Amino acid sequence: MRKILKDNQGFTLIEMMIVLLVISVLLFIAIPNVAKQSKNINNKGCDAFKRMVEGQVQAFRIEEKKYPATVQEMVDKEYLKKDETSCPNGDKLAISADGEVTVAK
């Protein structure tokens, strides 16, 4: 039993500090890149959402024989849900008189 305890080997404090240093450096490199990609994903999600609303505007025009005046009119006539009036990143959508959907930041 005594021999087993004598042969125990572990990491030294210096080795543990080096490992923590390497992990910290990797985190400092990774976190800004993740934040940039998150913003990029939200922008692409907004573009896709805008195109979906453009399709709903065209469906509105075909069925109602006019363009909607506002996004709220599309919600009232159930072309959009109440929570579908802005992009995932929070930017609001607007509809022009000729049916063009724009993102108002």
Protein backbone atom coordinates (compact mmCIF):
# COMPACT_ATOMS: atom_id res chain seq x y z
CA MET A 1 0.00 0.00 0.00
CA ARG A 2 2.79 2.35 0.82
CA LYS A 3 4.41 1.82 -2.57
CA ILE A 4 1.22 2.87 -4.40
CA LEU A 5 1.09 6.22 -2.61
CA LYS A 6 4.77 6.80 -3.20
CA ASP A 7 4.44 6.34 -6.98
CA ASN A 8 1.52 8.80 -7.37
CA GLN A 9 2.30 11.40 -9.93
CA GLY A 10 0.22 14.43 -10.76
CA PHE A 11 0.38 17.74 -12.52
CA THR A 12 2.50 20.45 -11.03
CA LEU A 13 1.17 23.93 -10.43
CA ILE A 14 3.23 25.28 -13.35
CA GLU A 15 1.74 22.73 -15.75
CA MET A 16 -1.79 23.62 -14.64
CA MET A 17 -1.04 27.34 -15.07
CA ILE A 18 0.25 26.74 -18.61
CA VAL A 19 -2.91 24.81 -19.51
CA LEU A 20 -5.10 27.61 -18.13
CA LEU A 21 -3.06 30.17 -20.07
CA VAL A 22 -3.54 28.27 -23.34
CA ILE A 23 -7.29 27.91 -22.73
CA SER A 24 -7.55 31.64 -21.94
CA VAL A 25 -5.76 32.61 -25.14
CA LEU A 26 -8.06 30.37 -27.19
CA LEU A 27 -11.11 31.95 -25.56
CA PHE A 28 -9.82 35.47 -26.27
CA ILE A 29 -9.46 34.49 -29.93
CA ALA A 30 -12.79 32.65 -30.22
CA ILE A 31 -15.22 35.00 -28.45
CA PRO A 32 -14.89 38.01 -30.84
CA ASN A 33 -15.27 35.72 -33.85
CA VAL A 34 -18.43 34.19 -32.42
CA ALA A 35 -19.87 37.66 -31.76
CA LYS A 36 -19.14 38.72 -35.36
CA GLN A 37 -20.79 35.59 -36.75
CA SER A 38 -23.84 36.11 -34.55
CA LYS A 39 -24.35 39.58 -36.05
CA ASN A 40 -23.85 38.16 -39.55
CA ILE A 41 -26.43 35.44 -38.88
CA ASN A 42 -28.97 38.01 -37.66
CA ASN A 43 -28.44 40.11 -40.80
CA LYS A 44 -28.93 37.11 -43.07
CA GLY A 45 -32.02 36.16 -41.06
CA CYS A 46 -33.37 39.67 -41.59
CA ASP A 47 -32.80 39.42 -45.36
CA ALA A 48 -34.63 36.09 -45.49
CA PHE A 49 -37.47 37.45 -43.35
CA LYS A 50 -37.77 40.50 -45.62
CA ARG A 51 -38.12 38.22 -48.66
CA MET A 52 -40.81 36.20 -46.89
CA VAL A 53 -42.75 39.39 -46.15
CA GLU A 54 -42.33 40.48 -49.79
CA GLY A 55 -44.00 37.22 -50.79
CA GLN A 56 -46.86 37.92 -48.38
CA VAL A 57 -47.20 41.45 -49.82
CA GLN A 58 -47.61 39.93 -53.28
CA ALA A 59 -50.21 37.47 -51.96
CA PHE A 60 -52.02 40.43 -50.35
CA ARG A 61 -51.94 42.33 -53.66
CA ILE A 62 -53.33 39.36 -55.60
CA GLU A 63 -56.18 38.72 -53.19
CA GLU A 64 -57.04 42.29 -52.15
CA LYS A 65 -56.27 43.98 -55.53
CA LYS A 66 -54.08 46.59 -53.82
CA TYR A 67 -50.85 46.86 -51.88
CA PRO A 68 -51.07 47.00 -48.11
CA ALA A 69 -50.59 50.46 -46.63
CA THR A 70 -48.79 49.24 -43.54
CA VAL A 71 -47.40 46.12 -41.94
CA GLN A 72 -50.21 46.36 -39.39
CA GLU A 73 -52.79 46.02 -42.18
CA MET A 74 -51.15 42.73 -43.15
CA VAL A 75 -51.37 41.58 -39.52
CA ASP A 76 -55.03 42.62 -39.32
CA LYS A 77 -55.88 40.62 -42.45
CA GLU A 78 -53.81 37.67 -41.15
CA TYR A 79 -51.11 37.69 -43.81
CA LEU A 80 -48.58 38.05 -41.01
CA LYS A 81 -48.64 37.05 -37.36
CA LYS A 82 -48.44 39.72 -34.65
CA ASP A 83 -44.84 38.78 -33.84
CA GLU A 84 -43.79 38.90 -37.52
CA THR A 85 -43.56 42.67 -37.84
CA SER A 86 -39.81 42.99 -37.31
CA CYS A 87 -36.60 41.14 -38.13
CA PRO A 88 -35.02 38.71 -35.67
CA ASN A 89 -32.42 41.37 -34.86
CA GLY A 90 -35.15 43.90 -33.96
CA ASP A 91 -35.15 46.03 -37.12
CA LYS A 92 -38.65 47.12 -38.15
CA LEU A 93 -40.11 46.49 -41.60
CA ALA A 94 -41.92 49.12 -43.66
CA ILE A 95 -43.99 48.83 -46.83
CA SER A 96 -43.96 51.59 -49.45
CA ALA A 97 -46.93 52.62 -51.58
CA ASP A 98 -45.74 50.41 -54.45
CA GLY A 99 -45.42 47.36 -52.20
CA GLU A 100 -41.66 47.45 -51.66
CA VAL A 101 -40.58 46.07 -48.28
CA THR A 102 -37.71 47.91 -46.61
CA VAL A 103 -35.86 47.45 -43.34
CA ALA A 104 -35.89 50.54 -41.12
CA LYS A 105 -32.99 50.39 -38.68
